Protein backbone atom coordinates (compact mmCIF):
# COMPACT_ATOMS: atom_id res chain seq x y z
CA MET A 1 0.00 0.00 0.00
CA SER A 2 1.33 3.44 -0.86
CA ARG A 3 1.95 5.85 1.99
CA PRO A 4 1.21 9.47 0.88
CA VAL A 5 3.11 12.07 2.87
CA VAL A 6 1.69 15.48 3.69
CA LEU A 7 4.03 18.19 2.39
CA ALA A 8 3.40 21.71 3.74
CA SER A 9 5.26 24.42 1.86
CA LEU A 10 4.69 27.82 3.41
CA VAL A 11 5.36 30.43 0.73
CA GLY A 12 3.58 33.79 0.87
CA THR A 13 0.54 34.94 2.79
CA ALA A 14 -1.99 33.06 0.71
CA VAL A 15 -0.17 29.79 1.20
CA LEU A 16 0.15 30.47 4.92
CA LEU A 17 -3.62 30.88 5.16
CA THR A 18 -4.13 27.68 3.19
CA ALA A 19 -1.71 25.85 5.47
CA PHE A 20 -3.53 27.17 8.55
CA PHE A 21 -6.84 25.93 7.15
CA VAL A 22 -5.39 22.48 6.43
CA LEU A 23 -3.88 22.36 9.93
CA SER A 24 -7.16 23.26 11.60
CA GLN A 25 -9.10 20.72 9.55
CA THR A 26 -6.72 17.78 9.40
CA ALA A 27 -3.85 18.48 11.84
CA PHE A 28 -1.23 17.04 9.48
CA SER A 29 1.58 19.59 9.92
CA HIS A 30 3.02 21.92 12.53
CA LYS A 31 5.57 24.69 12.43
CA ASN A 32 7.37 23.26 15.48
CA LEU A 33 7.43 19.71 14.18
CA ALA A 34 10.66 19.03 12.33
CA THR A 35 9.48 15.61 11.18
CA THR A 36 7.20 14.92 8.22
CA PRO A 37 5.00 11.99 9.27
CA VAL A 38 4.47 8.94 7.15
CA ILE A 39 0.74 8.29 6.84
CA THR A 40 -0.87 4.93 6.32
CA ALA A 41 -4.28 3.39 6.79
CA ASP A 42 -2.59 0.23 8.04
CA ARG A 43 -3.00 -0.62 11.74
CA GLY A 44 -0.26 -3.19 11.63
CA ALA A 45 2.71 -4.03 13.80
CA PHE A 46 4.98 -1.50 15.48
CA GLU A 47 7.73 -1.20 12.86
CA PRO A 48 9.63 2.05 13.47
CA SER A 49 12.62 0.85 11.48
CA GLU A 50 10.61 0.83 8.27
CA THR A 51 9.71 4.52 8.26
CA ASP A 52 12.12 7.43 8.29
CA GLY A 53 9.72 10.32 7.84
CA THR A 54 10.94 11.16 4.33
CA ALA A 55 8.88 11.38 1.19
CA SER A 56 9.49 9.22 -1.87
CA SER A 57 8.24 9.29 -5.46
CA GLU A 58 5.92 6.42 -4.61
CA THR A 59 4.37 8.03 -1.55
CA ALA A 60 4.22 11.74 -2.31
CA ASP A 61 3.83 12.75 -5.93
CA SER A 62 2.06 16.05 -5.32
CA GLU A 63 0.09 18.17 -2.89
CA ALA A 64 -3.03 16.97 -4.68
CA SER A 65 -2.35 13.37 -3.64
CA SER A 66 -1.82 14.56 -0.06
CA GLU A 67 -5.13 16.39 -0.04
CA THR A 68 -6.85 13.28 -1.40
CA ALA A 69 -5.39 11.26 1.46
CA GLU A 70 -6.56 13.87 3.96
CA ALA A 71 -10.09 13.68 2.63
CA GLU A 72 -10.35 9.93 3.14
CA LEU A 73 -12.19 8.82 6.23
CA GLY A 74 -11.37 5.81 8.35
CA PRO A 75 -8.36 4.84 10.47
CA LYS A 76 -4.92 6.24 9.69
CA ARG A 77 -1.52 5.84 11.26
CA PHE A 78 1.12 8.58 11.49
CA ASP A 79 4.75 7.67 12.25
CA PHE A 80 6.93 10.56 13.40
CA ARG A 81 10.68 9.95 13.33
CA LEU A 82 11.63 12.39 16.09
CA THR A 83 14.24 15.12 15.86
CA SER A 84 15.63 17.30 18.64
CA ASP A 85 12.95 19.92 17.89
CA ASP A 86 9.99 17.57 18.32
CA THR A 87 8.09 17.38 21.61
CA PHE A 88 5.11 15.48 22.95
CA TYR A 89 3.18 18.77 23.03
CA SER A 90 4.01 19.70 19.42
CA ILE A 91 2.92 16.32 18.09
CA MET A 92 -0.27 15.91 20.10
CA SER A 93 -1.45 19.44 19.33
CA LEU A 94 -1.48 18.54 15.64
CA PHE A 95 -4.36 16.19 16.24
CA GLY A 96 -6.71 18.53 18.06
CA VAL A 97 -5.68 17.52 21.59
CA SER A 98 -5.95 20.58 23.83
CA GLY A 99 -3.02 21.95 25.78
CA THR A 100 -4.87 21.18 29.02
CA ASP A 101 -5.32 17.54 28.03
CA ILE A 102 -1.71 17.24 26.88
CA HIS A 103 -0.48 18.39 30.30
CA LYS A 104 -2.90 16.03 32.07
CA ILE A 105 -1.65 13.10 29.98
CA ALA A 106 1.98 14.02 30.68
CA ARG A 107 1.35 14.17 34.45
CA LYS A 108 -0.51 10.86 34.50
CA SER A 109 2.20 9.18 32.43
CA ARG A 110 5.11 10.39 34.56
CA PRO A 111 5.25 7.38 36.95
CA THR A 112 5.63 5.13 33.89
CA PHE A 113 7.53 7.38 31.49
CA ASN A 114 8.37 11.08 31.38
CA LEU A 115 6.95 12.23 28.04
CA SER A 116 9.27 15.26 28.03
CA ARG A 117 12.10 12.80 27.37
CA LEU A 118 11.15 11.52 23.94
CA ARG A 119 14.38 10.37 22.32
CA LYS A 120 15.71 11.76 19.05
CA GLY A 121 15.58 9.18 16.27
CA THR A 122 12.79 7.12 17.84
CA VAL A 123 9.26 6.85 16.44
CA PHE A 124 6.13 8.37 17.95
CA ARG A 125 3.02 6.80 16.41
CA VAL A 126 -0.45 8.33 16.29
CA PHE A 127 -3.69 6.66 15.16
CA THR A 128 -6.70 8.68 14.04
CA LEU A 129 -10.26 7.74 13.18
CA ASP A 130 -12.16 9.97 10.76
CA GLY A 131 -9.58 12.70 11.34
CA ASN A 132 -9.84 12.60 15.15
CA PHE A 133 -7.17 11.47 17.63
CA GLU A 134 -7.75 7.90 18.78
CA ARG A 135 -4.51 6.50 20.17
CA ALA A 136 -0.74 7.12 20.43
CA GLU A 137 2.09 4.66 20.95
CA TYR A 138 5.73 5.10 21.92
CA ARG A 139 8.29 2.32 22.18
CA LEU A 140 9.83 2.29 25.68
CA GLY A 141 12.29 -0.50 25.06
CA GLU A 142 12.83 -3.62 23.06
CA PHE A 143 9.59 -5.28 24.16
CA ASP A 144 7.34 -2.60 25.72
CA VAL A 145 5.16 0.16 24.27
CA LEU A 146 3.49 3.07 26.07
CA THR A 147 -0.10 3.59 24.85
CA ILE A 148 -2.25 6.70 25.21
CA GLU A 149 -5.85 6.04 24.21
CA LYS A 150 -8.83 8.38 24.15
CA GLU A 151 -11.71 7.01 26.21
CA THR A 152 -15.06 6.69 24.42
CA ASP A 153 -17.06 6.90 27.64
CA PRO A 154 -14.80 8.37 30.36
CA GLU A 155 -15.57 8.08 34.06
CA PRO A 156 -16.46 11.33 35.90
CA LYS A 157 -12.99 11.74 37.45
CA SER A 158 -11.07 10.46 34.43
CA ILE A 159 -8.84 12.76 32.38
CA GLY A 160 -10.44 11.21 29.30
CA TYR A 161 -7.40 9.17 28.28
CA THR A 162 -6.16 5.74 29.32
CA ILE A 163 -2.39 5.40 29.75
CA ALA A 164 -0.89 1.93 29.89
CA THR A 165 2.00 -0.20 28.72
CA ARG A 166 1.73 -3.33 26.66
CA GLU A 167 4.24 -6.00 25.85
CA LEU A 168 4.96 -6.55 22.19
CA PRO A 169 4.60 -10.14 21.00
CA TRP A 170 8.03 -11.73 20.81
CA GLU A 171 9.53 -15.14 20.28
CA ILE A 172 12.87 -16.92 20.36
CA ARG A 173 13.92 -19.02 17.40
CA GLU A 174 16.94 -21.28 17.24
CA HIS A 175 19.47 -20.67 14.50
CA ARG A 176 22.24 -23.02 13.42
CA ALA A 177 25.40 -21.95 11.64
CA SER A 178 28.50 -23.89 10.70
CA GLY A 179 31.43 -23.69 8.37
CA VAL A 180 34.99 -24.50 7.44
CA ILE A 181 37.55 -21.79 8.14
CA ASN A 182 39.66 -20.70 5.19
CA ASN A 183 40.93 -17.35 6.44
CA SER A 184 39.29 -16.38 9.74
CA LEU A 185 36.48 -17.48 12.02
CA TYR A 186 34.75 -14.16 11.43
CA GLU A 187 34.66 -14.60 7.66
CA ALA A 188 33.56 -18.24 7.89
CA ALA A 189 30.87 -17.46 10.46
CA ILE A 190 29.40 -14.62 8.41
CA ARG A 191 29.32 -16.90 5.36
CA GLY A 192 27.73 -19.53 7.58
CA GLY A 193 24.80 -17.27 8.36
CA THR A 194 25.56 -15.92 11.81
CA ASP A 195 26.24 -12.38 13.05
CA PRO A 196 29.22 -10.49 14.54
CA GLN A 197 27.80 -10.49 18.09
CA THR A 198 27.47 -14.28 18.11
CA ILE A 199 31.04 -14.57 16.86
CA MET A 200 32.28 -12.41 19.74
CA ASN A 201 30.19 -14.42 22.21
CA LEU A 202 31.65 -17.65 20.84
CA SER A 203 35.22 -16.37 21.12
CA ASP A 204 34.57 -15.37 24.76
CA ILE A 205 33.05 -18.76 25.64
CA LEU A 206 35.92 -20.75 24.11
CA ALA A 207 38.66 -18.26 25.02
CA TRP A 208 40.55 -20.59 27.38
CA ASP A 209 40.56 -23.47 24.90
CA VAL A 210 41.13 -21.61 21.63
CA ASP A 211 43.28 -18.53 21.07
CA PHE A 212 41.38 -16.97 18.21
CA ALA A 213 44.25 -14.59 17.48
CA SER A 214 46.89 -17.27 16.88
CA ASP A 215 45.46 -20.82 17.11
CA ILE A 216 43.07 -20.78 14.14
CA ARG A 217 44.15 -22.98 11.20
CA LYS A 218 42.85 -23.29 7.67
CA GLY A 219 40.49 -26.26 7.57
CA ASP A 220 39.28 -25.84 11.17
CA THR A 221 35.52 -26.30 11.44
CA PHE A 222 32.90 -24.79 13.71
CA GLY A 223 29.23 -25.27 14.49
CA VAL A 224 27.03 -23.13 16.70
CA VAL A 225 23.38 -23.20 17.76
CA HIS A 226 22.14 -19.88 19.11
CA GLU A 227 18.97 -17.91 19.73
CA LYS A 228 17.50 -15.22 17.52
CA ILE A 229 14.96 -12.90 19.11
CA PHE A 230 12.04 -11.65 17.03
CA VAL A 231 9.53 -8.95 18.00
CA GLU A 232 6.24 -8.90 16.09
CA GLY A 233 7.74 -11.34 13.63
CA LYS A 234 10.76 -9.15 12.85
CA TYR A 235 14.35 -9.93 13.82
CA LEU A 236 15.54 -7.81 16.76
CA LYS A 237 18.85 -9.24 17.95
CA THR A 238 20.86 -12.36 18.60
CA GLY A 239 20.36 -14.26 21.84
CA LYS A 240 22.55 -16.61 23.82
CA ILE A 241 24.55 -19.48 22.38
CA LEU A 242 23.01 -22.85 23.27
CA GLY A 243 25.81 -25.06 22.02
CA ALA A 244 29.02 -24.85 20.02
CA GLU A 245 31.75 -27.11 18.73
CA MET A 246 35.09 -26.47 17.06
CA MET A 247 37.71 -28.69 15.52
CA ASN A 248 40.84 -26.62 16.05
CA ASN A 249 44.10 -28.01 14.71
CA GLY A 250 42.81 -31.55 15.29
CA LYS A 251 41.52 -30.78 18.79
CA ARG A 252 37.77 -30.92 19.51
CA VAL A 253 36.36 -28.18 21.74
CA THR A 254 32.74 -28.24 22.89
CA ALA A 255 30.51 -25.81 24.78
CA ILE A 256 27.07 -26.77 26.13
CA TYR A 257 24.80 -24.18 27.72
CA PHE A 258 23.06 -25.54 30.83
CA GLU A 259 20.83 -24.20 33.59
CA ASP A 260 20.98 -26.17 36.83
CA SER A 261 18.10 -26.79 39.26
CA GLU A 262 19.17 -23.80 41.39
CA GLY A 263 18.93 -21.41 38.43
CA GLY A 264 22.68 -21.18 37.84
CA THR A 265 23.75 -21.03 34.20
CA GLY A 266 26.99 -21.57 32.37
CA TYR A 267 28.86 -23.29 29.57
CA TYR A 268 30.35 -26.72 30.13
CA ASP A 269 32.50 -29.21 28.27
CA GLU A 270 31.35 -32.76 27.63
CA SER A 271 32.54 -33.85 31.08
CA GLY A 272 30.45 -31.21 32.82
CA ARG A 273 33.37 -28.94 33.72
CA SER A 274 32.79 -25.22 33.42
CA LEU A 275 34.51 -23.48 30.52
CA ARG A 276 34.84 -20.46 32.76
CA ARG A 277 38.12 -20.38 34.67
CA THR A 278 39.08 -18.63 37.86
CA LEU A 279 40.93 -16.09 35.68
CA LEU A 280 39.90 -14.66 32.33
CA ARG A 281 42.11 -15.41 29.35
CA SER A 282 42.55 -11.66 28.91
CA PRO A 283 41.30 -8.56 30.76
CA LEU A 284 40.34 -6.95 27.42
CA ARG A 285 37.55 -7.99 25.06
CA TYR A 286 39.26 -6.53 21.99
CA ARG A 287 42.97 -7.02 22.01
CA ARG A 288 46.24 -7.31 20.16
CA ILE A 289 49.44 -8.28 21.92
CA SER A 290 52.08 -5.66 21.20
CA SER A 291 54.75 -6.95 23.60
CA TYR A 292 55.21 -10.39 25.14
CA PHE A 293 56.55 -11.66 28.47
CA SER A 294 60.36 -11.59 28.25
CA LYS A 295 63.48 -11.86 30.39
CA GLY A 296 65.21 -9.20 28.32
CA ARG A 297 63.13 -6.85 26.18
CA TYR A 298 64.50 -3.65 24.62
CA HIS A 299 62.55 -0.83 26.25
CA PRO A 300 61.44 1.68 23.58
CA VAL A 301 61.50 4.65 25.99
CA LEU A 302 64.43 3.83 28.30
CA LYS A 303 66.53 2.59 25.33
CA ARG A 304 67.97 -0.40 27.16
CA TYR A 305 67.27 -4.08 27.72
CA ARG A 306 65.34 -5.03 30.81
CA PRO A 307 62.92 -7.79 31.86
CA HIS A 308 59.31 -7.40 30.75
CA HIS A 309 57.36 -9.47 33.27
CA GLY A 310 53.97 -9.07 31.66
CA ILE A 311 52.29 -8.66 28.32
CA ASP A 312 51.14 -5.48 26.64
CA TYR A 313 47.78 -5.31 24.88
CA ALA A 314 47.48 -2.53 22.31
CA ALA A 315 44.02 -0.98 22.41
CA PRO A 316 42.43 2.45 21.93
CA THR A 317 42.38 4.86 24.85
CA GLY A 318 39.22 4.34 26.88
CA THR A 319 38.83 0.62 26.12
CA PRO A 320 37.30 -0.99 29.26
CA VAL A 321 39.67 -3.14 31.33
CA GLU A 322 38.09 -6.01 33.27
CA SER A 323 39.25 -7.73 36.42
CA ALA A 324 40.63 -11.12 35.39
CA GLY A 325 39.04 -12.75 38.42
CA SER A 326 37.08 -12.12 41.58
CA GLY A 327 39.10 -10.75 44.45
CA ARG A 328 40.12 -7.74 46.51
CA VAL A 329 41.95 -4.61 45.33
CA THR A 330 45.32 -4.29 47.06
CA PHE A 331 46.46 -1.12 45.26
CA ALA A 332 44.77 1.50 43.08
CA GLY A 333 46.56 4.72 42.24
CA TRP A 334 49.66 6.20 40.64
CA LYS A 335 52.80 4.08 40.52
CA ARG A 336 55.78 5.73 38.82
CA GLY A 337 56.44 4.24 35.38
CA TYR A 338 53.20 2.26 35.42
CA GLY A 339 51.05 5.40 35.65
CA ASN A 340 47.56 4.64 36.89
CA PHE A 341 47.94 1.15 38.31
CA ILE A 342 45.74 -1.51 39.95
CA THR A 343 46.66 -4.77 41.69
CA ILE A 344 44.12 -7.41 42.73
CA LYS A 345 44.53 -10.46 44.99
CA HIS A 346 42.25 -13.22 43.78
CA ASP A 347 40.50 -16.01 45.66
CA ASN A 348 43.32 -18.45 44.92
CA SER A 349 47.09 -18.21 44.70
CA PHE A 350 46.96 -15.66 41.86
CA SER A 351 47.17 -11.89 41.79
CA THR A 352 47.01 -9.61 38.75
CA ALA A 353 48.17 -6.08 37.89
CA TYR A 354 47.02 -3.52 35.32
CA GLY A 355 49.16 -0.55 34.24
CA HIS A 356 49.14 2.66 32.15
CA LEU A 357 45.38 3.13 32.66
CA SER A 358 43.88 6.40 31.44
CA ARG A 359 41.74 6.34 34.57
CA ILE A 360 40.64 4.05 37.37
CA ARG A 361 36.92 3.43 37.62
CA LYS A 362 35.11 5.14 40.49
CA GLY A 363 34.79 2.88 43.52
CA VAL A 364 37.84 0.79 42.65
CA LYS A 365 40.16 1.47 45.59
CA LYS A 366 42.30 -0.42 48.06
CA GLY A 367 40.17 -2.93 49.98
CA ALA A 368 37.29 -2.91 47.48
CA ARG A 369 35.83 -6.24 46.39
CA VAL A 370 35.58 -6.84 42.62
CA ASP A 371 33.97 -9.58 40.56
CA GLN A 372 35.40 -11.42 37.59
CA ALA A 373 34.87 -9.42 34.37
CA GLN A 374 33.96 -6.26 36.32
CA VAL A 375 35.27 -3.11 34.62
CA ILE A 376 37.97 -1.63 36.85
CA GLY A 377 39.57 0.97 34.57
CA TYR A 378 40.27 2.08 31.04
CA VAL A 379 43.20 1.71 28.65
CA GLY A 380 45.53 4.69 28.49
CA SER A 381 49.15 5.77 28.13
CA THR A 382 50.03 7.09 31.58
CA GLY A 383 53.47 6.65 33.12
CA ILE A 384 56.38 5.61 30.88
CA SER A 385 54.58 4.66 27.70
CA THR A 386 54.85 5.18 23.94
CA GLY A 387 51.12 4.89 23.24
CA PRO A 388 47.80 3.58 24.53
CA HIS A 389 48.02 0.01 25.79
CA LEU A 390 47.40 -2.15 28.85
CA HIS A 391 50.34 -3.66 30.72
CA TYR A 392 49.06 -6.86 32.34
CA GLU A 393 50.88 -8.99 34.93
CA VAL A 394 50.05 -12.25 36.70
CA ARG A 395 51.68 -13.58 39.87
CA ARG A 396 51.39 -17.08 41.28
CA GLY A 397 52.18 -16.49 44.92
CA LYS A 398 55.01 -13.96 44.77
CA LYS A 399 56.42 -15.10 41.43
CA LEU A 400 55.67 -13.25 38.19
CA VAL A 401 54.57 -15.71 35.49
CA ASN A 402 53.76 -15.48 31.80
CA PRO A 403 50.00 -14.75 31.60
CA LEU A 404 49.76 -16.75 28.37
CA ASN A 405 51.05 -19.88 30.10
CA VAL A 406 48.69 -19.72 33.07
CA ARG A 407 46.09 -22.50 33.09
CA PRO A 408 43.71 -21.82 35.97
CA LYS A 409 41.23 -24.50 37.00
CA PRO A 410 37.54 -24.50 36.00
CA ASN A 411 35.62 -22.52 38.59
CA SER A 412 32.77 -25.05 38.81
CA THR A 413 31.25 -28.29 37.55
CA VAL A 414 27.66 -29.35 36.90
CA PRO A 415 26.05 -30.07 40.32
CA LYS A 416 25.77 -33.78 41.08
CA ALA A 417 21.96 -33.62 41.27
CA ASP A 418 21.78 -32.26 37.70
CA ARG A 419 24.29 -34.49 35.94
CA GLU A 420 21.73 -36.89 34.47
CA ARG A 421 19.73 -34.02 32.99
CA PHE A 422 22.92 -32.37 31.74
CA ALA A 423 23.89 -35.59 29.97
CA ALA A 424 20.58 -35.58 28.09
CA VAL A 425 20.96 -31.92 27.08
CA LYS A 426 24.55 -32.52 26.01
CA ASP A 427 23.78 -35.62 23.92
CA ALA A 428 20.93 -33.91 22.08
CA MET A 429 23.07 -30.87 21.31
CA LEU A 430 26.06 -32.92 20.15
CA VAL A 431 23.87 -34.80 17.67
CA ARG A 432 22.66 -31.53 16.19
CA LEU A 433 26.13 -30.02 16.03
CA ALA A 434 27.66 -33.15 14.51
CA GLY A 435 24.97 -33.26 11.83
CA ASP A 436 25.51 -29.63 10.89
CA LEU A 437 29.28 -30.03 10.72
CA ALA A 438 29.02 -33.14 8.55
CA VAL A 439 26.69 -31.38 6.11
CA VAL A 440 28.74 -28.21 5.90
CA ALA A 441 32.03 -30.08 5.53
CA SER A 442 30.57 -31.91 2.55
CA ALA A 443 29.16 -28.70 1.09
CA GLU A 444 32.42 -26.84 1.65
CA THR A 445 34.38 -29.54 -0.14
CA GLU A 446 32.07 -29.36 -3.14
CA THR A 447 31.22 -25.65 -3.34
CA GLY A 448 33.32 -23.72 -0.83
CA ASN A 449 30.18 -22.49 0.96
CA ALA A 450 29.25 -22.53 4.62
CA ALA A 451 25.74 -23.15 5.86
CA GLY A 452 23.18 -21.58 8.16
CA SER A 453 19.59 -22.45 9.02
CA ASP A 454 16.77 -21.61 11.38
CA GLY A 455 15.09 -24.41 13.24
């Protein structure tokens, strides 16, 4: 169905009078409204991504077509893609809602949502019936919509409008993707039908078993089953990974998502051991090693050889730095050549240190308790440094050790009471993953293509 757009061009006194007449009769434009609404008679799903408030040759050929649309009776929908100049008052006044009623609606809505805080770029939707305001909708989040509806038979003390929230219909669908790696996991996964976020999630889950920066080999295979979340039948975002498997340089690595009877969740290998370790593989999500652990590294600033008892991760200034494990902060402040510096004693024999931070996060101070993966600071170039990076150290007891050689233990296993149920979940997932990998390996051999499917 075409969507004619009302175009108001105010040129000269005569046109201004015409525009005023059209406004008073149809309320389709407003001098304070920066957005041109898209008009449709469709009362369909909430689809703000489909309308951008601009006219096209198919929807707005002339003012005559706009006037024809205005003359039609029946239900219509107006989608306003908001700009910084648009307000709740300016939009509602277009549709004959009085200033008094607008203020009453705003006051009644405040406990749920402050209508003075409409966000630029979002969509405000208005429904009319025979040219009169009937209902308005505004998306509060991914799954909720605020509704403002005119009451047909209001109670004596009612403001004449019902304000409520409703949940949009949503569903989770499983998606399977698999492939053979020729150049990188990212490239193979995209060809296999998955998305960048799932790839990052997969690399985090398997981080202790696969170094995605250096361990990937041509011919390695992967399979992943993950959720896709749809709202009103349209794809919104990727969900959690339910299962994954990789053949990496001849080594099989498996991840099974499982929720135990106490509500705890995690990823486990086939034996029921957690893939999460007591220390993270790296305190940065996005990383590149610029300097390795060494007994005698040439220092680029001091111009001499000296031990480098840590590794340096090159990353942009401001990149979040996470605590490698749960523990207690033993130092947080300035430390000579290290600049802004943090040390943490973990709940085992390990301690970690983080140097050259641009800043330390508020609340991270000596004696503070931190959780694994909690952001503690941000990458910088303070102290003796040639550029933004994180200097990261690990100690076992009092001895500095190479962080890349540390192999901390799994931090948990599947509870004994849940092992039988875990075995059933694992077996079912392995069958699905094995089937996908067999199919894609055959397809890759014949055509060079990866595969993806919803199911």
